[in-house]
Amino acid sequence: MKRGWVTREQPPDNCRLVHAVLTSEGEEACQGTTARVYRAAVADEFTSLLNERDLADLRRIGRKLMEGHGRWDVKRFARSEE
């Protein structure tokens, strides 16, 4: 919270919940170094264990799930199409 990347929001109809919500500054931070570090960690922990066929299957299944839920965004996932 000190950097202003996250704010706390509490729904007016449920005082027991508190949501951490990224600010625009927080979203920018996640797109920069944070995103690169995250992708590298995922690659180290998961994709290094998979061969090319496994990765292709994972991309195909992931896309099918995202499309089925109306969440597929061609611009966002363009790299996975390579």
PDB file of N, CA and C in Angstrom:
ATOM      1  N   MET A   1       0.812  -1.187   0.000  1.00  0.00           N
ATOM      2  CA  MET A   1       0.000   0.000   0.000  1.00  0.00           C
ATOM      3  C   MET A   1       0.862   1.260   0.000  1.00  0.00           C
ATOM      4  N   LYS A   2       2.064   1.160   0.486  1.00  0.00           N
ATOM      5  CA  LYS A   2       2.930   2.337   0.568  1.00  0.00           C
ATOM      6  C   LYS A   2       3.232   2.923  -0.801  1.00  0.00           C
ATOM      7  N   ARG A   3       3.335   2.096  -1.821  1.00  0.00           N
ATOM      8  CA  ARG A   3       3.658   2.579  -3.161  1.00  0.00           C
ATOM      9  C   ARG A   3       2.423   3.063  -3.915  1.00  0.00           C
ATOM     10  N   GLY A   4       1.249   2.805  -3.391  1.00  0.00           N
ATOM     11  CA  GLY A   4       0.031   3.228  -4.055  1.00  0.00           C
ATOM     12  C   GLY A   4      -0.408   2.313  -5.179  1.00  0.00           C
ATOM     13  N   TRP A   5       0.057   1.078  -5.182  1.00  0.00           N
ATOM     14  CA  TRP A   5      -0.286   0.138  -6.238  1.00  0.00           C
ATOM     15  C   TRP A   5      -1.589  -0.592  -5.961  1.00  0.00           C
ATOM     16  N   VAL A   6      -2.008  -0.608  -4.696  1.00  0.00           N
ATOM     17  CA  VAL A   6      -3.195  -1.355  -4.298  1.00  0.00           C
ATOM     18  C   VAL A   6      -4.048  -0.493  -3.378  1.00  0.00           C
ATOM     19  N   THR A   7      -5.351  -0.611  -3.546  1.00  0.00           N
ATOM     20  CA  THR A   7      -6.267   0.027  -2.605  1.00  0.00           C
ATOM     21  C   THR A   7      -7.149  -1.053  -1.993  1.00  0.00           C
ATOM     22  N   ARG A   8      -7.705  -0.748  -0.864  1.00  0.00           N
ATOM     23  CA  ARG A   8      -8.641  -1.665  -0.204  1.00  0.00           C
ATOM     24  C   ARG A   8     -10.050  -1.191  -0.498  1.00  0.00           C
ATOM     25  N   GLU A   9     -10.895  -2.114  -0.920  1.00  0.00           N
ATOM     26  CA  GLU A   9     -12.283  -1.786  -1.177  1.00  0.00           C
ATOM     27  C   GLU A   9     -13.168  -2.774  -0.432  1.00  0.00           C
ATOM     28  N   GLN A  10     -14.204  -2.245   0.164  1.00  0.00           N
ATOM     29  CA  GLN A  10     -15.129  -3.072   0.926  1.00  0.00           C
ATOM     30  C   GLN A  10     -16.529  -2.900   0.331  1.00  0.00           C
ATOM     31  N   PRO A  11     -17.144  -4.005  -0.088  1.00  0.00           N
ATOM     32  CA  PRO A  11     -18.491  -3.891  -0.640  1.00  0.00           C
ATOM     33  C   PRO A  11     -19.457  -3.353   0.420  1.00  0.00           C
ATOM     34  N   PRO A  12     -20.311  -2.421   0.063  1.00  0.00           N
ATOM     35  CA  PRO A  12     -21.223  -1.846   1.049  1.00  0.00           C
ATOM     36  C   PRO A  12     -22.229  -2.856   1.600  1.00  0.00           C
ATOM     37  N   ASP A  13     -22.482  -3.925   0.838  1.00  0.00           N
ATOM     38  CA  ASP A  13     -23.466  -4.912   1.280  1.00  0.00           C
ATOM     39  C   ASP A  13     -22.863  -6.080   2.057  1.00  0.00           C
ATOM     40  N   ASN A  14     -21.521  -6.087   2.240  1.00  0.00           N
ATOM     41  CA  ASN A  14     -20.889  -7.176   2.984  1.00  0.00           C
ATOM     42  C   ASN A  14     -19.635  -6.642   3.673  1.00  0.00           C
ATOM     43  N   CYS A  15     -19.776  -6.241   4.899  1.00  0.00           N
ATOM     44  CA  CYS A  15     -18.666  -5.644   5.660  1.00  0.00           C
ATOM     45  C   CYS A  15     -17.602  -6.652   6.049  1.00  0.00           C
ATOM     46  N   ARG A  16     -17.859  -7.929   5.831  1.00  0.00           N
ATOM     47  CA  ARG A  16     -16.855  -8.950   6.173  1.00  0.00           C
ATOM     48  C   ARG A  16     -15.789  -9.085   5.093  1.00  0.00           C
ATOM     49  N   LEU A  17     -16.063  -8.587   3.901  1.00  0.00           N
ATOM     50  CA  LEU A  17     -15.117  -8.710   2.793  1.00  0.00           C
ATOM     51  C   LEU A  17     -14.280  -7.449   2.621  1.00  0.00           C
ATOM     52  N   VAL A  18     -13.041  -7.662   2.256  1.00  0.00           N
ATOM     53  CA  VAL A  18     -12.166  -6.564   1.855  1.00  0.00           C
ATOM     54  C   VAL A  18     -11.423  -7.045   0.619  1.00  0.00           C
ATOM     55  N   HIS A  19     -11.508  -6.273  -0.451  1.00  0.00           N
ATOM     56  CA  HIS A  19     -10.838  -6.620  -1.701  1.00  0.00           C
ATOM     57  C   HIS A  19      -9.602  -5.761  -1.874  1.00  0.00           C
ATOM     58  N   ALA A  20      -8.527  -6.381  -2.314  1.00  0.00           N
ATOM     59  CA  ALA A  20      -7.332  -5.640  -2.721  1.00  0.00           C
ATOM     60  C   ALA A  20      -7.481  -5.389  -4.214  1.00  0.00           C
ATOM     61  N   VAL A  21      -7.455  -4.123  -4.611  1.00  0.00           N
ATOM     62  CA  VAL A  21      -7.685  -3.746  -6.004  1.00  0.00           C
ATOM     63  C   VAL A  21      -6.473  -2.970  -6.512  1.00  0.00           C
ATOM     64  N   LEU A  22      -5.967  -3.385  -7.676  1.00  0.00           N
ATOM     65  CA  LEU A  22      -4.832  -2.679  -8.277  1.00  0.00           C
ATOM     66  C   LEU A  22      -5.253  -1.289  -8.737  1.00  0.00           C
ATOM     67  N   THR A  23      -4.418  -0.318  -8.447  1.00  0.00           N
ATOM     68  CA  THR A  23      -4.611   1.024  -8.985  1.00  0.00           C
ATOM     69  C   THR A  23      -4.015   1.050 -10.385  1.00  0.00           C
ATOM     70  N   SER A  24      -4.170   2.148 -11.096  1.00  0.00           N
ATOM     71  CA  SER A  24      -3.562   2.238 -12.429  1.00  0.00           C
ATOM     72  C   SER A  24      -2.041   2.140 -12.321  1.00  0.00           C
ATOM     73  N   GLU A  25      -1.473   2.694 -11.249  1.00  0.00           N
ATOM     74  CA  GLU A  25      -0.025   2.570 -11.032  1.00  0.00           C
ATOM     75  C   GLU A  25       0.361   1.108 -10.780  1.00  0.00           C
ATOM     76  N   GLY A  26      -0.476   0.389 -10.061  1.00  0.00           N
ATOM     77  CA  GLY A  26      -0.228  -1.021  -9.802  1.00  0.00           C
ATOM     78  C   GLY A  26      -0.287  -1.855 -11.065  1.00  0.00           C
ATOM     79  N   GLU A  27      -1.249  -1.534 -11.932  1.00  0.00           N
ATOM     80  CA  GLU A  27      -1.351  -2.245 -13.209  1.00  0.00           C
ATOM     81  C   GLU A  27      -0.120  -1.990 -14.066  1.00  0.00           C
ATOM     82  N   GLU A  28       0.359  -0.757 -14.076  1.00  0.00           N
ATOM     83  CA  GLU A  28       1.576  -0.437 -14.832  1.00  0.00           C
ATOM     84  C   GLU A  28       2.771  -1.221 -14.298  1.00  0.00           C
ATOM     85  N   ALA A  29       2.884  -1.312 -12.985  1.00  0.00           N
ATOM     86  CA  ALA A  29       3.989  -2.052 -12.376  1.00  0.00           C
ATOM     87  C   ALA A  29       3.929  -3.523 -12.755  1.00  0.00           C
ATOM     88  N   CYS A  30       2.736  -4.077 -12.813  1.00  0.00           N
ATOM     89  CA  CYS A  30       2.573  -5.490 -13.168  1.00  0.00           C
ATOM     90  C   CYS A  30       2.928  -5.762 -14.622  1.00  0.00           C
ATOM     91  N   GLN A  31       2.814  -4.763 -15.464  1.00  0.00           N
ATOM     92  CA  GLN A  31       3.147  -4.930 -16.872  1.00  0.00           C
ATOM     93  C   GLN A  31       4.648  -4.859 -17.110  1.00  0.00           C
ATOM     94  N   GLY A  32       5.386  -4.289 -16.217  1.00  0.00           N
ATOM     95  CA  GLY A  32       6.822  -4.106 -16.406  1.00  0.00           C
ATOM     96  C   GLY A  32       7.626  -5.257 -15.845  1.00  0.00           C
ATOM     97  N   THR A  33       8.492  -4.950 -14.917  1.00  0.00           N
ATOM     98  CA  THR A  33       9.403  -5.924 -14.319  1.00  0.00           C
ATOM     99  C   THR A  33       8.663  -7.094 -13.689  1.00  0.00           C
ATOM    100  N   THR A  34       7.582  -6.810 -13.008  1.00  0.00           N
ATOM    101  CA  THR A  34       6.824  -7.870 -12.337  1.00  0.00           C
ATOM    102  C   THR A  34       6.381  -8.933 -13.327  1.00  0.00           C
ATOM    103  N   ALA A  35       5.871  -8.512 -14.475  1.00  0.00           N
ATOM    104  CA  ALA A  35       5.401  -9.465 -15.485  1.00  0.00           C
ATOM    105  C   ALA A  35       6.562 -10.312 -16.015  1.00  0.00           C
ATOM    106  N   ARG A  36       7.698  -9.685 -16.255  1.00  0.00           N
ATOM    107  CA  ARG A  36       8.860 -10.442 -16.756  1.00  0.00           C
ATOM    108  C   ARG A  36       9.326 -11.470 -15.722  1.00  0.00           C
ATOM    109  N   VAL A  37       9.385 -11.069 -14.455  1.00  0.00           N
ATOM    110  CA  VAL A  37       9.816 -11.986 -13.393  1.00  0.00           C
ATOM    111  C   VAL A  37       8.823 -13.129 -13.253  1.00  0.00           C
ATOM    112  N   TYR A  38       7.530 -12.822 -13.310  1.00  0.00           N
ATOM    113  CA  TYR A  38       6.489 -13.848 -13.201  1.00  0.00           C
ATOM    114  C   TYR A  38       6.605 -14.856 -14.342  1.00  0.00           C
ATOM    115  N   ARG A  39       6.722 -14.352 -15.579  1.00  0.00           N
ATOM    116  CA  ARG A  39       6.828 -15.261 -16.725  1.00  0.00           C
ATOM    117  C   ARG A  39       8.069 -16.147 -16.622  1.00  0.00           C
ATOM    118  N   ALA A  40       9.177 -15.587 -16.162  1.00  0.00           N
ATOM    119  CA  ALA A  40      10.404 -16.379 -16.003  1.00  0.00           C
ATOM    120  C   ALA A  40      10.219 -17.460 -14.946  1.00  0.00           C
ATOM    121  N   ALA A  41       9.547 -17.123 -13.853  1.00  0.00           N
ATOM    122  CA  ALA A  41       9.311 -18.108 -12.788  1.00  0.00           C
ATOM    123  C   ALA A  41       8.408 -19.232 -13.276  1.00  0.00           C
ATOM    124  N   VAL A  42       7.363 -18.890 -14.022  1.00  0.00           N
ATOM    125  CA  VAL A  42       6.474 -19.917 -14.568  1.00  0.00           C
ATOM    126  C   VAL A  42       7.240 -20.813 -15.530  1.00  0.00           C
ATOM    127  N   ALA A  43       8.048 -20.202 -16.369  1.00  0.00           N
ATOM    128  CA  ALA A  43       8.842 -20.991 -17.315  1.00  0.00           C
ATOM    129  C   ALA A  43       9.778 -21.940 -16.580  1.00  0.00           C
ATOM    130  N   ASP A  44      10.447 -21.452 -15.553  1.00  0.00           N
ATOM    131  CA  ASP A  44      11.373 -22.297 -14.791  1.00  0.00           C
ATOM    132  C   ASP A  44      10.654 -23.454 -14.111  1.00  0.00           C
ATOM    133  N   GLU A  45       9.506 -23.179 -13.529  1.00  0.00           N
ATOM    134  CA  GLU A  45       8.813 -24.190 -12.724  1.00  0.00           C
ATOM    135  C   GLU A  45       7.951 -25.146 -13.528  1.00  0.00           C
ATOM    136  N   PHE A  46       7.411 -24.705 -14.654  1.00  0.00           N
ATOM    137  CA  PHE A  46       6.441 -25.534 -15.364  1.00  0.00           C
ATOM    138  C   PHE A  46       6.848 -25.876 -16.784  1.00  0.00           C
ATOM    139  N   THR A  47       7.040 -24.872 -17.615  1.00  0.00           N
ATOM    140  CA  THR A  47       7.261 -25.172 -19.027  1.00  0.00           C
ATOM    141  C   THR A  47       8.574 -25.889 -19.281  1.00  0.00           C
ATOM    142  N   SER A  48       9.532 -25.756 -18.396  1.00  0.00           N
ATOM    143  CA  SER A  48      10.790 -26.475 -18.588  1.00  0.00           C
ATOM    144  C   SER A  48      10.597 -27.982 -18.448  1.00  0.00           C
ATOM    145  N   LEU A  49       9.485 -28.392 -17.861  1.00  0.00           N
ATOM    146  CA  LEU A  49       9.186 -29.803 -17.685  1.00  0.00           C
ATOM    147  C   LEU A  49       8.390 -30.387 -18.848  1.00  0.00           C
ATOM    148  N   LEU A  50       7.970 -29.528 -19.777  1.00  0.00           N
ATOM    149  CA  LEU A  50       7.108 -29.959 -20.870  1.00  0.00           C
ATOM    150  C   LEU A  50       7.849 -29.907 -22.195  1.00  0.00           C
ATOM    151  N   ASN A  51       7.526 -30.859 -23.071  1.00  0.00           N
ATOM    152  CA  ASN A  51       8.108 -30.816 -24.411  1.00  0.00           C
ATOM    153  C   ASN A  51       7.209 -29.966 -25.315  1.00  0.00           C
ATOM    154  N   GLU A  52       7.605 -29.783 -26.570  1.00  0.00           N
ATOM    155  CA  GLU A  52       6.862 -28.912 -27.484  1.00  0.00           C
ATOM    156  C   GLU A  52       5.429 -29.391 -27.703  1.00  0.00           C
ATOM    157  N   ARG A  53       5.234 -30.692 -27.785  1.00  0.00           N
ATOM    158  CA  ARG A  53       3.867 -31.212 -27.977  1.00  0.00           C
ATOM    159  C   ARG A  53       3.007 -30.918 -26.752  1.00  0.00           C
ATOM    160  N   ASP A  54       3.568 -31.104 -25.563  1.00  0.00           N
ATOM    161  CA  ASP A  54       2.836 -30.776 -24.333  1.00  0.00           C
ATOM    162  C   ASP A  54       2.427 -29.308 -24.315  1.00  0.00           C
ATOM    163  N   LEU A  55       3.365 -28.430 -24.677  1.00  0.00           N
ATOM    164  CA  LEU A  55       3.080 -26.992 -24.685  1.00  0.00           C
ATOM    165  C   LEU A  55       1.998 -26.650 -25.700  1.00  0.00           C
ATOM    166  N   ALA A  56       2.045 -27.267 -26.880  1.00  0.00           N
ATOM    167  CA  ALA A  56       1.017 -27.027 -27.899  1.00  0.00           C
ATOM    168  C   ALA A  56      -0.352 -27.479 -27.395  1.00  0.00           C
ATOM    169  N   ASP A  57      -0.392 -28.638 -26.746  1.00  0.00           N
ATOM    170  CA  ASP A  57      -1.651 -29.137 -26.178  1.00  0.00           C
ATOM    171  C   ASP A  57      -2.175 -28.195 -25.097  1.00  0.00           C
ATOM    172  N   LEU A  58      -1.269 -27.716 -24.262  1.00  0.00           N
ATOM    173  CA  LEU A  58      -1.655 -26.804 -23.188  1.00  0.00           C
ATOM    174  C   LEU A  58      -2.208 -25.497 -23.749  1.00  0.00           C
ATOM    175  N   ARG A  59      -1.569 -24.970 -24.781  1.00  0.00           N
ATOM    176  CA  ARG A  59      -2.066 -23.746 -25.433  1.00  0.00           C
ATOM    177  C   ARG A  59      -3.452 -23.972 -26.034  1.00  0.00           C
ATOM    178  N   ARG A  60      -3.626 -25.112 -26.713  1.00  0.00           N
ATOM    179  CA  ARG A  60      -4.901 -25.422 -27.360  1.00  0.00           C
ATOM    180  C   ARG A  60      -6.018 -25.544 -26.328  1.00  0.00           C
ATOM    181  N   ILE A  61      -5.753 -26.260 -25.250  1.00  0.00           N
ATOM    182  CA  ILE A  61      -6.754 -26.446 -24.201  1.00  0.00           C
ATOM    183  C   ILE A  61      -7.048 -25.132 -23.487  1.00  0.00           C
ATOM    184  N   GLY A  62      -5.996 -24.375 -23.198  1.00  0.00           N
ATOM    185  CA  GLY A  62      -6.185 -23.084 -22.536  1.00  0.00           C
ATOM    186  C   GLY A  62      -7.033 -22.150 -23.380  1.00  0.00           C
ATOM    187  N   ARG A  63      -6.764 -22.115 -24.678  1.00  0.00           N
ATOM    188  CA  ARG A  63      -7.548 -21.254 -25.568  1.00  0.00           C
ATOM    189  C   ARG A  63      -9.003 -21.703 -25.593  1.00  0.00           C
ATOM    190  N   LYS A  64      -9.227 -22.994 -25.689  1.00  0.00           N
ATOM    191  CA  LYS A  64     -10.595 -23.518 -25.724  1.00  0.00           C
ATOM    192  C   LYS A  64     -11.365 -23.110 -24.464  1.00  0.00           C
ATOM    193  N   LEU A  65     -10.710 -23.211 -23.318  1.00  0.00           N
ATOM    194  CA  LEU A  65     -11.351 -22.814 -22.057  1.00  0.00           C
ATOM    195  C   LEU A  65     -11.629 -21.318 -22.013  1.00  0.00           C
ATOM    196  N   MET A  66     -10.646 -20.517 -22.433  1.00  0.00           N
ATOM    197  CA  MET A  66     -10.816 -19.068 -22.429  1.00  0.00           C
ATOM    198  C   MET A  66     -11.927 -18.649 -23.392  1.00  0.00           C
ATOM    199  N   GLU A  67     -11.952 -19.224 -24.587  1.00  0.00           N
ATOM    200  CA  GLU A  67     -13.006 -18.896 -25.551  1.00  0.00           C
ATOM    201  C   GLU A  67     -14.376 -19.305 -25.024  1.00  0.00           C
ATOM    202  N   GLY A  68     -14.446 -20.468 -24.401  1.00  0.00           N
ATOM    203  CA  GLY A  68     -15.706 -20.963 -23.864  1.00  0.00           C
ATOM    204  C   GLY A  68     -16.292 -20.072 -22.784  1.00  0.00           C
ATOM    205  N   HIS A  69     -15.422 -19.324 -22.112  1.00  0.00           N
ATOM    206  CA  HIS A  69     -15.866 -18.417 -21.056  1.00  0.00           C
ATOM    207  C   HIS A  69     -15.851 -16.959 -21.507  1.00  0.00           C
ATOM    208  N   GLY A  70     -15.674 -16.763 -22.832  1.00  0.00           N
ATOM    209  CA  GLY A  70     -15.688 -15.409 -23.373  1.00  0.00           C
ATOM    210  C   GLY A  70     -14.519 -14.549 -22.924  1.00  0.00           C
ATOM    211  N   ARG A  71     -13.393 -15.176 -22.593  1.00  0.00           N
ATOM    212  CA  ARG A  71     -12.241 -14.441 -22.069  1.00  0.00           C
ATOM    213  C   ARG A  71     -11.056 -14.399 -23.030  1.00  0.00           C
ATOM    214  N   TRP A  72     -11.194 -14.972 -24.220  1.00  0.00           N
ATOM    215  CA  TRP A  72     -10.078 -14.984 -25.156  1.00  0.00           C
ATOM    216  C   TRP A  72      -9.913 -13.594 -25.757  1.00  0.00           C
ATOM    217  N   ASP A  73      -8.704 -13.086 -25.726  1.00  0.00           N
ATOM    218  CA  ASP A  73      -8.381 -11.771 -26.279  1.00  0.00           C
ATOM    219  C   ASP A  73      -7.179 -11.952 -27.195  1.00  0.00           C
ATOM    220  N   VAL A  74      -7.413 -11.840 -28.489  1.00  0.00           N
ATOM    221  CA  VAL A  74      -6.365 -12.095 -29.479  1.00  0.00           C
ATOM    222  C   VAL A  74      -5.136 -11.237 -29.220  1.00  0.00           C
ATOM    223  N   LYS A  75      -5.329  -9.961 -28.927  1.00  0.00           N
ATOM    224  CA  LYS A  75      -4.185  -9.073 -28.689  1.00  0.00           C
ATOM    225  C   LYS A  75      -3.389  -9.512 -27.466  1.00  0.00           C
ATOM    226  N   ARG A  76      -4.082  -9.851 -26.404  1.00  0.00           N
ATOM    227  CA  ARG A  76      -3.401 -10.230 -25.163  1.00  0.00           C
ATOM    228  C   ARG A  76      -2.625 -11.532 -25.303  1.00  0.00           C
ATOM    229  N   PHE A  77      -3.183 -12.476 -26.049  1.00  0.00           N
ATOM    230  CA  PHE A  77      -2.572 -13.796 -26.129  1.00  0.00           C
ATOM    231  C   PHE A  77      -1.881 -14.041 -27.456  1.00  0.00           C
ATOM    232  N   ALA A  78      -1.532 -13.006 -28.170  1.00  0.00           N
ATOM    233  CA  ALA A  78      -0.928 -13.153 -29.499  1.00  0.00           C
ATOM    234  C   ALA A  78       0.345 -13.997 -29.463  1.00  0.00           C
ATOM    235  N   ARG A  79       1.160 -13.840 -28.437  1.00  0.00           N
ATOM    236  CA  ARG A  79       2.422 -14.593 -28.374  1.00  0.00           C
ATOM    237  C   ARG A  79       2.192 -16.090 -28.281  1.00  0.00           C
ATOM    238  N   SER A  80       1.092 -16.515 -27.676  1.00  0.00           N
ATOM    239  CA  SER A  80       0.853 -17.946 -27.539  1.00  0.00           C
ATOM    240  C   SER A  80       0.464 -18.594 -28.874  1.00  0.00           C
ATOM    241  N   GLU A  81       0.191 -17.770 -29.888  1.00  0.00           N
ATOM    242  CA  GLU A  81      -0.167 -18.289 -31.193  1.00  0.00           C
ATOM    243  C   GLU A  81       1.046 -18.593 -32.057  1.00  0.00           C
ATOM    244  N   GLU A  82       2.216 -18.163 -31.634  1.00  0.00           N
ATOM    245  CA  GLU A  82       3.441 -18.357 -32.440  1.00  0.00           C
ATOM    246  C   GLU A  82       3.824 -19.797 -32.530  1.00  0.00           C
TER     247      GLU A  82
END
